[in-house]
């Protein structure tokens, strides 16, 4: 897979792809309409962030490229790509418990607090891309 050169796009499957971890300078797209929602993405080498309707959805440090991002009432799934290990923060439901899978391996149960954020570390150095699934 490669970085998302358009910064955010809707795939044929209906999933979103966003971010570009190869950019040296910050870039952003605002007011990207999809399925009745408005998205904003900011991305570059050291950070990628996605918001939906002004609310937090995703952030990575350092920056990543995200493909096949799908949100459901039970969680999210996506493929993340980068050149360095990354800390991902995902906006989910407040005070809920989720199972986290990295490359289809169950890495445990995590609970969100008030604010609904869940943080996961992924090893991207040498791997290139990793499949992430977070579900209730």
N, C-alpha and C. Protein backbone atom coordinates (compact mmCIF):
# COMPACT_ATOMS: atom_id res chain seq x y z
N UNK A 1 0.84 -1.19 0.00
CA UNK A 1 0.00 0.00 0.00
C UNK A 1 0.87 1.24 0.00
N UNK A 2 0.28 2.33 -0.32
CA UNK A 2 1.04 3.57 -0.38
C UNK A 2 0.31 4.66 0.38
N UNK A 3 1.00 5.74 0.62
CA UNK A 3 0.40 6.90 1.26
C UNK A 3 -0.77 7.40 0.42
N UNK A 4 -1.72 8.03 1.08
CA UNK A 4 -2.90 8.54 0.40
C UNK A 4 -2.55 9.91 -0.18
N UNK A 5 -2.31 9.97 -1.47
CA UNK A 5 -1.86 11.22 -2.08
C UNK A 5 -2.92 12.31 -2.06
N UNK A 6 -4.22 11.92 -2.04
CA UNK A 6 -5.30 12.90 -1.98
C UNK A 6 -5.57 13.37 -0.55
N UNK A 7 -4.90 12.79 0.44
CA UNK A 7 -5.03 13.03 1.88
C UNK A 7 -6.27 12.39 2.48
N UNK A 8 -7.40 12.36 1.77
CA UNK A 8 -8.58 11.64 2.21
C UNK A 8 -9.41 11.28 0.98
N UNK A 9 -9.90 10.04 0.97
CA UNK A 9 -10.72 9.60 -0.16
C UNK A 9 -11.64 8.47 0.28
N UNK A 10 -12.71 8.27 -0.49
CA UNK A 10 -13.64 7.18 -0.26
C UNK A 10 -13.29 6.07 -1.24
N UNK A 11 -13.06 4.88 -0.71
CA UNK A 11 -12.73 3.73 -1.54
C UNK A 11 -14.00 3.14 -2.16
N UNK A 12 -13.84 2.31 -3.16
CA UNK A 12 -14.97 1.65 -3.80
C UNK A 12 -15.80 0.86 -2.81
N UNK A 13 -15.17 0.32 -1.78
CA UNK A 13 -15.86 -0.48 -0.76
C UNK A 13 -16.69 0.38 0.18
N UNK A 14 -16.51 1.70 0.11
CA UNK A 14 -17.21 2.61 1.01
C UNK A 14 -16.38 3.01 2.21
N UNK A 15 -15.22 2.40 2.39
CA UNK A 15 -14.32 2.74 3.50
C UNK A 15 -13.55 4.01 3.16
N UNK A 16 -12.99 4.64 4.20
CA UNK A 16 -12.16 5.83 4.00
C UNK A 16 -10.69 5.46 4.02
N UNK A 17 -9.90 6.20 3.29
CA UNK A 17 -8.44 6.16 3.39
C UNK A 17 -8.00 7.59 3.60
N UNK A 18 -7.02 7.79 4.49
CA UNK A 18 -6.58 9.14 4.80
C UNK A 18 -5.16 9.13 5.34
N UNK A 19 -4.54 10.29 5.33
CA UNK A 19 -3.21 10.47 5.90
C UNK A 19 -2.10 10.22 4.90
N UNK A 20 -0.96 10.84 5.16
CA UNK A 20 0.22 10.63 4.33
C UNK A 20 1.45 10.81 5.21
N UNK A 21 2.02 9.71 5.64
CA UNK A 21 3.16 9.72 6.56
C UNK A 21 4.47 10.11 5.90
N UNK A 22 4.45 10.36 4.60
CA UNK A 22 5.69 10.70 3.90
C UNK A 22 5.89 12.20 3.73
N UNK A 23 4.89 13.01 4.09
CA UNK A 23 4.99 14.46 3.89
C UNK A 23 5.93 15.11 4.90
N UNK A 24 6.78 16.00 4.43
CA UNK A 24 7.68 16.75 5.31
C UNK A 24 6.97 17.95 5.95
N UNK A 25 6.00 18.52 5.25
CA UNK A 25 5.27 19.70 5.75
C UNK A 25 3.82 19.32 6.01
N UNK A 26 3.20 20.00 6.98
CA UNK A 26 1.80 19.74 7.31
C UNK A 26 0.89 20.01 6.12
N UNK A 27 -0.11 19.15 5.96
CA UNK A 27 -1.12 19.33 4.92
C UNK A 27 -2.46 18.99 5.54
N UNK A 28 -3.53 19.61 5.05
CA UNK A 28 -4.84 19.29 5.59
C UNK A 28 -5.92 19.45 4.54
N UNK A 29 -7.02 18.73 4.78
CA UNK A 29 -8.22 18.85 3.98
C UNK A 29 -9.36 19.05 4.97
N UNK A 30 -10.14 20.10 4.75
CA UNK A 30 -11.29 20.39 5.60
C UNK A 30 -12.56 20.24 4.79
N UNK A 31 -13.66 20.05 5.48
CA UNK A 31 -14.98 20.00 4.84
C UNK A 31 -15.10 18.92 3.78
N UNK A 32 -14.54 17.74 4.06
CA UNK A 32 -14.68 16.59 3.16
C UNK A 32 -15.98 15.88 3.53
N UNK A 33 -16.95 15.95 2.64
CA UNK A 33 -18.26 15.36 2.91
C UNK A 33 -18.34 13.90 2.51
N UNK A 34 -18.90 13.09 3.43
CA UNK A 34 -19.09 11.68 3.14
C UNK A 34 -20.20 11.13 4.03
N UNK A 35 -21.18 10.50 3.44
CA UNK A 35 -22.29 9.83 4.14
C UNK A 35 -22.98 10.76 5.14
N UNK A 36 -23.13 12.02 4.76
CA UNK A 36 -23.82 12.98 5.62
C UNK A 36 -22.95 13.57 6.72
N UNK A 37 -21.68 13.21 6.77
CA UNK A 37 -20.75 13.72 7.77
C UNK A 37 -19.70 14.60 7.11
N UNK A 38 -19.04 15.44 7.91
CA UNK A 38 -17.98 16.31 7.42
C UNK A 38 -16.69 15.93 8.13
N UNK A 39 -15.67 15.59 7.34
CA UNK A 39 -14.39 15.16 7.87
C UNK A 39 -13.31 16.21 7.66
N UNK A 40 -12.32 16.17 8.56
CA UNK A 40 -11.14 17.02 8.45
C UNK A 40 -9.93 16.14 8.76
N UNK A 41 -8.93 16.21 7.90
CA UNK A 41 -7.71 15.44 8.13
C UNK A 41 -6.52 16.40 8.10
N UNK A 42 -5.61 16.20 9.06
CA UNK A 42 -4.32 16.90 9.09
C UNK A 42 -3.26 15.81 9.15
N UNK A 43 -2.23 15.97 8.35
CA UNK A 43 -1.25 14.89 8.28
C UNK A 43 0.12 15.40 7.85
N UNK A 44 1.12 14.71 8.29
CA UNK A 44 2.49 14.83 7.80
C UNK A 44 3.34 13.81 8.53
N UNK A 45 4.63 13.90 8.36
CA UNK A 45 5.58 12.91 8.86
C UNK A 45 5.44 12.61 10.36
N UNK A 46 5.13 13.60 11.18
CA UNK A 46 5.13 13.39 12.63
C UNK A 46 3.76 13.23 13.27
N UNK A 47 2.65 13.40 12.50
CA UNK A 47 1.32 13.30 13.09
C UNK A 47 0.26 13.17 12.00
N UNK A 48 -0.76 12.35 12.27
CA UNK A 48 -1.94 12.27 11.41
C UNK A 48 -3.16 12.33 12.32
N UNK A 49 -4.14 13.15 11.95
CA UNK A 49 -5.33 13.32 12.77
C UNK A 49 -6.57 13.40 11.88
N UNK A 50 -7.65 12.72 12.31
CA UNK A 50 -8.92 12.73 11.60
C UNK A 50 -10.03 13.14 12.57
N UNK A 51 -10.87 14.07 12.11
CA UNK A 51 -12.05 14.49 12.87
C UNK A 51 -13.29 14.28 12.01
N UNK A 52 -14.41 13.99 12.67
CA UNK A 52 -15.70 13.84 11.98
C UNK A 52 -16.70 14.74 12.70
N UNK A 53 -17.28 15.68 11.94
CA UNK A 53 -18.24 16.63 12.51
C UNK A 53 -17.66 17.36 13.72
N UNK A 54 -16.38 17.69 13.65
CA UNK A 54 -15.71 18.42 14.73
C UNK A 54 -15.31 17.57 15.91
N UNK A 55 -15.55 16.27 15.85
CA UNK A 55 -15.23 15.36 16.96
C UNK A 55 -14.02 14.50 16.60
N UNK A 56 -13.23 14.19 17.60
CA UNK A 56 -12.03 13.38 17.45
C UNK A 56 -12.38 11.96 16.98
N UNK A 57 -11.61 11.45 15.99
CA UNK A 57 -11.80 10.08 15.50
C UNK A 57 -10.49 9.28 15.61
N UNK A 58 -9.37 9.88 15.16
CA UNK A 58 -8.11 9.13 15.04
C UNK A 58 -6.93 10.08 15.13
N UNK A 59 -5.88 9.63 15.80
CA UNK A 59 -4.62 10.38 15.79
C UNK A 59 -3.49 9.38 15.92
N UNK A 60 -2.41 9.65 15.19
CA UNK A 60 -1.20 8.83 15.32
C UNK A 60 0.01 9.72 15.46
N UNK A 61 0.95 9.24 16.26
CA UNK A 61 2.25 9.89 16.42
C UNK A 61 3.27 8.78 16.34
N UNK A 62 4.19 8.83 15.38
CA UNK A 62 4.30 9.78 14.28
C UNK A 62 3.16 9.59 13.28
N UNK A 63 3.24 10.31 12.18
CA UNK A 63 2.20 10.26 11.16
C UNK A 63 2.10 8.89 10.51
N UNK A 64 0.89 8.57 10.07
CA UNK A 64 0.63 7.30 9.40
C UNK A 64 -0.26 7.53 8.18
N UNK A 65 -0.36 6.52 7.36
CA UNK A 65 -1.34 6.48 6.28
C UNK A 65 -2.32 5.38 6.66
N UNK A 66 -3.61 5.66 6.55
CA UNK A 66 -4.65 4.72 6.99
C UNK A 66 -5.51 4.34 5.79
N UNK A 67 -5.69 3.05 5.59
CA UNK A 67 -6.50 2.55 4.48
C UNK A 67 -7.62 1.67 5.03
N UNK A 68 -8.72 1.61 4.28
CA UNK A 68 -9.85 0.74 4.61
C UNK A 68 -10.43 1.03 5.99
N UNK A 69 -10.48 2.31 6.40
CA UNK A 69 -11.00 2.70 7.71
C UNK A 69 -12.53 2.58 7.70
N UNK A 70 -13.05 1.70 8.57
CA UNK A 70 -14.49 1.48 8.67
C UNK A 70 -14.92 1.60 10.12
N UNK A 71 -15.93 2.43 10.35
CA UNK A 71 -16.53 2.55 11.68
C UNK A 71 -17.87 1.85 11.67
N UNK A 72 -18.16 1.11 12.74
CA UNK A 72 -19.48 0.52 12.94
C UNK A 72 -19.90 0.82 14.37
N UNK A 73 -21.09 0.44 14.73
CA UNK A 73 -21.55 0.65 16.11
C UNK A 73 -20.76 -0.20 17.09
N UNK A 74 -20.07 -1.22 16.59
CA UNK A 74 -19.30 -2.12 17.45
C UNK A 74 -17.79 -1.87 17.44
N UNK A 75 -17.33 -0.84 16.73
CA UNK A 75 -15.91 -0.56 16.74
C UNK A 75 -15.39 -0.04 15.42
N UNK A 76 -14.09 -0.24 15.17
CA UNK A 76 -13.44 0.23 13.95
C UNK A 76 -12.46 -0.83 13.46
N UNK A 77 -12.17 -0.75 12.16
CA UNK A 77 -11.11 -1.58 11.58
C UNK A 77 -10.43 -0.78 10.49
N UNK A 78 -9.13 -1.05 10.30
CA UNK A 78 -8.35 -0.33 9.29
C UNK A 78 -6.99 -0.98 9.14
N UNK A 79 -6.28 -0.56 8.11
CA UNK A 79 -4.89 -0.95 7.90
C UNK A 79 -4.07 0.32 8.02
N UNK A 80 -3.07 0.28 8.88
CA UNK A 80 -2.24 1.46 9.11
C UNK A 80 -0.84 1.20 8.58
N UNK A 81 -0.26 2.22 7.98
CA UNK A 81 1.06 2.11 7.36
C UNK A 81 1.95 3.24 7.86
N UNK A 82 3.21 2.92 8.08
CA UNK A 82 4.18 3.93 8.48
C UNK A 82 5.58 3.36 8.45
N UNK A 83 6.54 4.23 8.67
CA UNK A 83 7.93 3.78 8.65
C UNK A 83 8.49 3.56 10.04
N UNK A 84 7.77 4.07 11.07
CA UNK A 84 8.20 3.93 12.46
C UNK A 84 7.06 3.36 13.29
N UNK A 85 7.39 2.75 14.43
CA UNK A 85 6.35 2.32 15.36
C UNK A 85 5.52 3.54 15.74
N UNK A 86 4.22 3.33 15.94
CA UNK A 86 3.33 4.47 16.17
C UNK A 86 2.39 4.24 17.35
N UNK A 87 2.03 5.33 17.99
CA UNK A 87 1.01 5.35 19.04
C UNK A 87 -0.28 5.83 18.38
N UNK A 88 -1.32 5.00 18.38
CA UNK A 88 -2.60 5.35 17.78
C UNK A 88 -3.59 5.65 18.90
N UNK A 89 -4.36 6.70 18.74
CA UNK A 89 -5.45 7.01 19.66
C UNK A 89 -6.72 7.05 18.83
N UNK A 90 -7.72 6.28 19.26
CA UNK A 90 -8.97 6.14 18.52
C UNK A 90 -10.12 6.64 19.39
N UNK A 91 -11.00 7.43 18.79
CA UNK A 91 -12.18 7.91 19.49
C UNK A 91 -13.31 6.89 19.39
N UNK A 92 -13.75 6.37 20.54
CA UNK A 92 -14.80 5.36 20.58
C UNK A 92 -15.86 5.79 21.60
N UNK A 93 -16.69 4.86 22.02
CA UNK A 93 -17.74 5.14 22.99
C UNK A 93 -17.15 5.31 24.40
N UNK A 94 -17.72 6.25 25.16
CA UNK A 94 -17.29 6.45 26.55
C UNK A 94 -17.55 5.21 27.40
N UNK A 95 -16.63 4.93 28.32
CA UNK A 95 -16.81 3.90 29.34
C UNK A 95 -17.25 2.55 28.75
N UNK A 96 -16.57 2.12 27.70
CA UNK A 96 -16.90 0.85 27.05
C UNK A 96 -15.66 -0.04 27.00
N UNK A 97 -15.89 -1.34 26.87
CA UNK A 97 -14.80 -2.30 26.82
C UNK A 97 -14.67 -2.85 25.39
N UNK A 98 -13.43 -2.94 24.90
CA UNK A 98 -13.16 -3.35 23.53
C UNK A 98 -12.08 -4.42 23.49
N UNK A 99 -12.22 -5.34 22.53
CA UNK A 99 -11.17 -6.30 22.21
C UNK A 99 -10.32 -5.68 21.12
N UNK A 100 -9.01 -5.80 21.23
CA UNK A 100 -8.09 -5.21 20.26
C UNK A 100 -7.35 -6.35 19.55
N UNK A 101 -7.37 -6.28 18.22
CA UNK A 101 -6.69 -7.27 17.38
C UNK A 101 -5.68 -6.56 16.50
N UNK A 102 -4.45 -7.05 16.49
CA UNK A 102 -3.39 -6.54 15.62
C UNK A 102 -2.99 -7.68 14.71
N UNK A 103 -3.13 -7.48 13.40
CA UNK A 103 -2.87 -8.54 12.42
C UNK A 103 -3.57 -9.84 12.81
N UNK A 104 -4.84 -9.72 13.19
CA UNK A 104 -5.73 -10.83 13.56
C UNK A 104 -5.37 -11.52 14.87
N UNK A 105 -4.36 -11.06 15.58
CA UNK A 105 -4.00 -11.62 16.88
C UNK A 105 -4.65 -10.80 17.99
N UNK A 106 -5.35 -11.46 18.90
CA UNK A 106 -6.00 -10.78 20.02
C UNK A 106 -4.94 -10.32 21.01
N UNK A 107 -4.81 -9.01 21.18
CA UNK A 107 -3.79 -8.47 22.09
C UNK A 107 -4.39 -8.05 23.43
N UNK A 108 -5.70 -8.30 23.61
CA UNK A 108 -6.30 -8.05 24.91
C UNK A 108 -7.52 -7.15 24.86
N UNK A 109 -8.06 -6.95 26.05
CA UNK A 109 -9.23 -6.11 26.25
C UNK A 109 -8.79 -4.78 26.82
N UNK A 110 -9.38 -3.71 26.31
CA UNK A 110 -9.07 -2.36 26.81
C UNK A 110 -10.38 -1.65 27.07
N UNK A 111 -10.35 -0.73 28.03
CA UNK A 111 -11.55 0.01 28.40
C UNK A 111 -11.32 1.50 28.17
N UNK A 112 -12.32 2.14 27.58
CA UNK A 112 -12.26 3.60 27.42
C UNK A 112 -12.80 4.26 28.68
N UNK A 113 -12.43 5.49 28.88
CA UNK A 113 -12.90 6.26 30.02
C UNK A 113 -13.79 7.37 29.49
N UNK A 114 -14.08 8.37 30.32
CA UNK A 114 -14.85 9.52 29.86
C UNK A 114 -14.05 10.16 28.73
N UNK A 115 -14.67 10.43 27.63
CA UNK A 115 -13.98 10.93 26.44
C UNK A 115 -13.84 9.86 25.38
N UNK A 116 -13.91 8.59 25.78
CA UNK A 116 -13.95 7.48 24.84
C UNK A 116 -12.69 7.20 24.05
N UNK A 117 -11.54 7.66 24.52
CA UNK A 117 -10.32 7.44 23.75
C UNK A 117 -9.62 6.15 24.17
N UNK A 118 -9.12 5.45 23.17
CA UNK A 118 -8.39 4.21 23.38
C UNK A 118 -7.05 4.34 22.67
N UNK A 119 -5.96 4.00 23.36
CA UNK A 119 -4.62 4.12 22.76
C UNK A 119 -4.02 2.74 22.54
N UNK A 120 -3.40 2.57 21.38
CA UNK A 120 -2.79 1.31 20.98
C UNK A 120 -1.45 1.62 20.33
N UNK A 121 -0.44 0.84 20.68
CA UNK A 121 0.86 0.96 20.01
C UNK A 121 0.94 -0.11 18.93
N UNK A 122 1.44 0.28 17.76
CA UNK A 122 1.64 -0.68 16.68
C UNK A 122 3.09 -0.63 16.21
N UNK A 123 3.64 -1.80 15.95
CA UNK A 123 5.01 -1.91 15.46
C UNK A 123 5.00 -1.87 13.95
N UNK A 124 5.38 -0.72 13.40
CA UNK A 124 5.39 -0.54 11.95
C UNK A 124 6.79 -0.60 11.36
N UNK A 125 7.80 -0.30 12.17
CA UNK A 125 9.18 -0.32 11.68
C UNK A 125 9.49 -1.73 11.18
N UNK A 126 9.83 -1.84 9.93
CA UNK A 126 10.14 -3.14 9.34
C UNK A 126 8.92 -3.88 8.83
N UNK A 127 7.74 -3.61 9.40
CA UNK A 127 6.51 -4.29 8.98
C UNK A 127 5.84 -3.55 7.84
N UNK A 128 5.95 -2.22 7.86
CA UNK A 128 5.33 -1.42 6.81
C UNK A 128 3.87 -1.14 7.07
N UNK A 129 3.03 -2.20 7.17
CA UNK A 129 1.61 -2.00 7.42
C UNK A 129 1.08 -3.05 8.38
N UNK A 130 0.05 -2.66 9.13
CA UNK A 130 -0.52 -3.52 10.15
C UNK A 130 -2.04 -3.38 10.11
N UNK A 131 -2.73 -4.51 10.20
CA UNK A 131 -4.19 -4.52 10.28
C UNK A 131 -4.61 -4.34 11.74
N UNK A 132 -5.53 -3.41 11.99
CA UNK A 132 -6.02 -3.14 13.35
C UNK A 132 -7.54 -3.30 13.36
N UNK A 133 -8.03 -4.02 14.35
CA UNK A 133 -9.48 -4.14 14.54
C UNK A 133 -9.78 -3.97 16.02
N UNK A 134 -10.73 -3.10 16.31
CA UNK A 134 -11.13 -2.82 17.68
C UNK A 134 -12.63 -3.03 17.73
N UNK A 135 -13.09 -3.99 18.57
CA UNK A 135 -14.52 -4.27 18.60
C UNK A 135 -15.01 -4.53 20.02
N UNK A 136 -16.29 -4.16 20.22
CA UNK A 136 -16.93 -4.38 21.52
C UNK A 136 -17.08 -5.84 21.78
